[in-house]
């Protein structure tokens, strides 16, 4: 699949994370992204937090949770404006120069899944993207 782009204008709920999965959901539930891969949260070209931080801070989970809490306070004030996806990544672009990048990270397992506009996009092992109509 060649790169795909969506221009949108959605508010999102606070980002949730479970051991190795991060979830982003729009307020109206029209968009759901689950990712179990490498990710970065970027603000004005500066990395705020990465999936590696989650594991390196695992001994002190309070630090990671505090950073996520601060980020989620900011995310409630901004809008998801654009999504770009390819076999290598999925990128979310928010207002206020905030971006979240997810990188395909396995040749065997799903890296991410996006439910949007009555379709489900799943990045399967090796970066192939399969699309299901809902």
C-alpha atoms as a PDB file:
ATOM      1  CA  UNK A   1       0.000   0.000   0.000  1.00  0.00           C
ATOM      2  CA  UNK A   2       1.266   3.444  -0.867  1.00  0.00           C
ATOM      3  CA  UNK A   3       1.074   6.099   1.813  1.00  0.00           C
ATOM      4  CA  UNK A   4      -2.407   7.175   2.866  1.00  0.00           C
ATOM      5  CA  UNK A   5      -3.368  10.526   4.366  1.00  0.00           C
ATOM      6  CA  UNK A   6      -6.467  11.681   6.218  1.00  0.00           C
ATOM      7  CA  UNK A   7      -7.165  15.333   6.982  1.00  0.00           C
ATOM      8  CA  UNK A   8      -9.410  15.423  10.003  1.00  0.00           C
ATOM      9  CA  UNK A   9     -10.410  17.657  12.878  1.00  0.00           C
ATOM     10  CA  UNK A  10     -11.007  15.535  15.976  1.00  0.00           C
ATOM     11  CA  UNK A  11     -10.568  16.041  19.699  1.00  0.00           C
ATOM     12  CA  UNK A  12      -9.138  13.001  21.470  1.00  0.00           C
ATOM     13  CA  UNK A  13      -9.547  11.482  24.901  1.00  0.00           C
ATOM     14  CA  UNK A  14      -6.539  11.203  27.210  1.00  0.00           C
ATOM     15  CA  UNK A  15      -4.064   8.649  25.896  1.00  0.00           C
ATOM     16  CA  UNK A  16      -4.051   5.382  27.772  1.00  0.00           C
ATOM     17  CA  UNK A  17      -1.261   2.882  27.964  1.00  0.00           C
ATOM     18  CA  UNK A  18      -1.112  -0.701  29.102  1.00  0.00           C
ATOM     19  CA  UNK A  19       2.194  -2.492  29.537  1.00  0.00           C
ATOM     20  CA  UNK A  20       3.228  -2.370  25.855  1.00  0.00           C
ATOM     21  CA  UNK A  21       0.166  -0.887  24.119  1.00  0.00           C
ATOM     22  CA  UNK A  22      -0.820   2.738  23.700  1.00  0.00           C
ATOM     23  CA  UNK A  23      -4.406   3.701  22.795  1.00  0.00           C
ATOM     24  CA  UNK A  24      -5.725   6.907  21.247  1.00  0.00           C
ATOM     25  CA  UNK A  25      -9.483   7.413  20.913  1.00  0.00           C
ATOM     26  CA  UNK A  26     -11.409  10.399  19.561  1.00  0.00           C
ATOM     27  CA  UNK A  27     -14.064  11.967  21.783  1.00  0.00           C
ATOM     28  CA  UNK A  28     -16.793  10.721  19.454  1.00  0.00           C
ATOM     29  CA  UNK A  29     -15.206   7.227  19.214  1.00  0.00           C
ATOM     30  CA  UNK A  30     -14.967   7.523  15.402  1.00  0.00           C
ATOM     31  CA  UNK A  31     -11.218   6.900  15.594  1.00  0.00           C
ATOM     32  CA  UNK A  32      -9.424   4.247  17.651  1.00  0.00           C
ATOM     33  CA  UNK A  33      -5.707   3.552  17.353  1.00  0.00           C
ATOM     34  CA  UNK A  34      -4.010   0.730  19.266  1.00  0.00           C
ATOM     35  CA  UNK A  35      -0.254   0.404  18.885  1.00  0.00           C
ATOM     36  CA  UNK A  36       2.200  -2.127  20.285  1.00  0.00           C
ATOM     37  CA  UNK A  37       5.345  -0.813  18.658  1.00  0.00           C
ATOM     38  CA  UNK A  38       7.992   1.861  19.003  1.00  0.00           C
ATOM     39  CA  UNK A  39       6.464   5.321  19.418  1.00  0.00           C
ATOM     40  CA  UNK A  40       7.540   8.908  20.021  1.00  0.00           C
ATOM     41  CA  UNK A  41       5.639  11.970  21.213  1.00  0.00           C
ATOM     42  CA  UNK A  42       7.192  15.086  19.689  1.00  0.00           C
ATOM     43  CA  UNK A  43       6.543  18.762  20.378  1.00  0.00           C
ATOM     44  CA  UNK A  44       8.164  21.343  18.089  1.00  0.00           C
ATOM     45  CA  UNK A  45      10.783  18.818  16.916  1.00  0.00           C
ATOM     46  CA  UNK A  46      11.749  17.899  20.495  1.00  0.00           C
ATOM     47  CA  UNK A  47      11.041  14.378  21.762  1.00  0.00           C
ATOM     48  CA  UNK A  48       8.874  14.515  24.889  1.00  0.00           C
ATOM     49  CA  UNK A  49       8.444  10.787  25.541  1.00  0.00           C
ATOM     50  CA  UNK A  50       9.091   7.465  23.793  1.00  0.00           C
ATOM     51  CA  UNK A  51       8.082   3.855  24.236  1.00  0.00           C
ATOM     52  CA  UNK A  52      11.638   3.154  25.403  1.00  0.00           C
ATOM     53  CA  UNK A  53      11.092   5.609  28.263  1.00  0.00           C
ATOM     54  CA  UNK A  54       8.231   3.440  29.445  1.00  0.00           C
ATOM     55  CA  UNK A  55      10.559   0.462  29.808  1.00  0.00           C
ATOM     56  CA  UNK A  56      13.528   2.406  31.181  1.00  0.00           C
ATOM     57  CA  UNK A  57      11.283   4.076  33.782  1.00  0.00           C
ATOM     58  CA  UNK A  58       9.492   0.842  34.620  1.00  0.00           C
ATOM     59  CA  UNK A  59      11.334   0.664  37.946  1.00  0.00           C
ATOM     60  CA  UNK A  60       9.816   4.029  38.776  1.00  0.00           C
ATOM     61  CA  UNK A  61       6.470   3.976  36.992  1.00  0.00           C
ATOM     62  CA  UNK A  62       5.436   7.176  38.789  1.00  0.00           C
ATOM     63  CA  UNK A  63       7.817   9.226  36.616  1.00  0.00           C
ATOM     64  CA  UNK A  64       6.348   7.846  33.389  1.00  0.00           C
ATOM     65  CA  UNK A  65       2.790   8.287  34.652  1.00  0.00           C
ATOM     66  CA  UNK A  66       3.502  11.926  35.607  1.00  0.00           C
ATOM     67  CA  UNK A  67       4.885  12.718  32.137  1.00  0.00           C
ATOM     68  CA  UNK A  68       1.826  11.067  30.529  1.00  0.00           C
ATOM     69  CA  UNK A  69      -0.506  12.958  32.876  1.00  0.00           C
ATOM     70  CA  UNK A  70       1.090  16.286  31.908  1.00  0.00           C
ATOM     71  CA  UNK A  71       0.870  15.372  28.221  1.00  0.00           C
ATOM     72  CA  UNK A  72      -2.776  14.337  28.550  1.00  0.00           C
ATOM     73  CA  UNK A  73      -3.606  17.691  30.137  1.00  0.00           C
ATOM     74  CA  UNK A  74      -2.155  19.340  27.032  1.00  0.00           C
ATOM     75  CA  UNK A  75      -3.847  16.951  24.584  1.00  0.00           C
ATOM     76  CA  UNK A  76      -7.289  17.857  25.918  1.00  0.00           C
ATOM     77  CA  UNK A  77      -6.737  21.391  24.562  1.00  0.00           C
ATOM     78  CA  UNK A  78      -5.662  20.433  21.033  1.00  0.00           C
ATOM     79  CA  UNK A  79      -7.084  18.794  17.902  1.00  0.00           C
ATOM     80  CA  UNK A  80      -5.940  15.828  15.818  1.00  0.00           C
ATOM     81  CA  UNK A  81      -5.582  17.343  12.346  1.00  0.00           C
ATOM     82  CA  UNK A  82      -3.940  14.751  10.110  1.00  0.00           C
ATOM     83  CA  UNK A  83      -2.969  11.079   9.907  1.00  0.00           C
ATOM     84  CA  UNK A  84      -0.281   9.718   7.590  1.00  0.00           C
ATOM     85  CA  UNK A  85       0.336   6.009   7.248  1.00  0.00           C
ATOM     86  CA  UNK A  86       2.608   3.761   5.249  1.00  0.00           C
ATOM     87  CA  UNK A  87       4.039   0.289   5.670  1.00  0.00           C
ATOM     88  CA  UNK A  88       6.794   1.766   7.865  1.00  0.00           C
ATOM     89  CA  UNK A  89       4.863   4.113  10.168  1.00  0.00           C
ATOM     90  CA  UNK A  90       1.660   5.814  11.189  1.00  0.00           C
ATOM     91  CA  UNK A  91       1.968   9.473  12.175  1.00  0.00           C
ATOM     92  CA  UNK A  92      -0.573  11.641  13.980  1.00  0.00           C
ATOM     93  CA  UNK A  93      -0.341  15.422  13.669  1.00  0.00           C
ATOM     94  CA  UNK A  94      -2.055  17.608  16.256  1.00  0.00           C
ATOM     95  CA  UNK A  95      -2.485  21.351  16.542  1.00  0.00           C
ATOM     96  CA  UNK A  96       0.247  23.124  18.556  1.00  0.00           C
ATOM     97  CA  UNK A  97       3.019  21.217  16.709  1.00  0.00           C
ATOM     98  CA  UNK A  98       2.497  17.990  18.651  1.00  0.00           C
ATOM     99  CA  UNK A  99       3.075  14.754  16.739  1.00  0.00           C
ATOM    100  CA  UNK A 100       2.966  11.098  17.687  1.00  0.00           C
ATOM    101  CA  UNK A 101       4.887   8.678  15.476  1.00  0.00           C
ATOM    102  CA  UNK A 102       4.431   4.896  15.587  1.00  0.00           C
ATOM    103  CA  UNK A 103       6.981   2.742  13.758  1.00  0.00           C
ATOM    104  CA  UNK A 104       6.433  -0.771  12.412  1.00  0.00           C
ATOM    105  CA  UNK A 105       8.578  -2.868  14.711  1.00  0.00           C
ATOM    106  CA  UNK A 106       8.022  -6.532  13.934  1.00  0.00           C
ATOM    107  CA  UNK A 107       8.300  -8.943  11.039  1.00  0.00           C
ATOM    108  CA  UNK A 108       5.900 -11.382  12.737  1.00  0.00           C
ATOM    109  CA  UNK A 109       3.330  -9.450  14.791  1.00  0.00           C
ATOM    110  CA  UNK A 110       0.877  -6.608  14.310  1.00  0.00           C
ATOM    111  CA  UNK A 111       2.401  -3.216  15.131  1.00  0.00           C
ATOM    112  CA  UNK A 112      -0.742  -1.097  15.104  1.00  0.00           C
ATOM    113  CA  UNK A 113      -4.432  -1.063  14.270  1.00  0.00           C
ATOM    114  CA  UNK A 114      -6.494   1.966  13.226  1.00  0.00           C
ATOM    115  CA  UNK A 115     -10.304   2.013  13.130  1.00  0.00           C
ATOM    116  CA  UNK A 116     -11.525   5.026  11.167  1.00  0.00           C
ATOM    117  CA  UNK A 117     -14.223   5.866   8.616  1.00  0.00           C
ATOM    118  CA  UNK A 118     -15.851   2.402   8.742  1.00  0.00           C
ATOM    119  CA  UNK A 119     -12.558   0.657   7.979  1.00  0.00           C
ATOM    120  CA  UNK A 120      -9.959  -1.113  10.044  1.00  0.00           C
ATOM    121  CA  UNK A 121      -6.327  -0.761   8.969  1.00  0.00           C
ATOM    122  CA  UNK A 122      -3.950  -3.300  10.508  1.00  0.00           C
ATOM    123  CA  UNK A 123      -0.196  -3.203  10.068  1.00  0.00           C
ATOM    124  CA  UNK A 124       0.694  -6.901  10.114  1.00  0.00           C
ATOM    125  CA  UNK A 125       4.146  -8.494  10.404  1.00  0.00           C
ATOM    126  CA  UNK A 126       6.740  -6.979   8.116  1.00  0.00           C
ATOM    127  CA  UNK A 127       4.741  -3.822   7.518  1.00  0.00           C
ATOM    128  CA  UNK A 128       1.994  -5.008   5.171  1.00  0.00           C
ATOM    129  CA  UNK A 129      -1.264  -3.146   5.771  1.00  0.00           C
ATOM    130  CA  UNK A 130      -4.538  -5.019   5.478  1.00  0.00           C
ATOM    131  CA  UNK A 131      -7.845  -3.164   5.288  1.00  0.00           C
ATOM    132  CA  UNK A 132     -11.212  -4.482   6.464  1.00  0.00           C
ATOM    133  CA  UNK A 133     -14.562  -2.845   5.774  1.00  0.00           C
ATOM    134  CA  UNK A 134     -16.804  -2.660   8.807  1.00  0.00           C
END
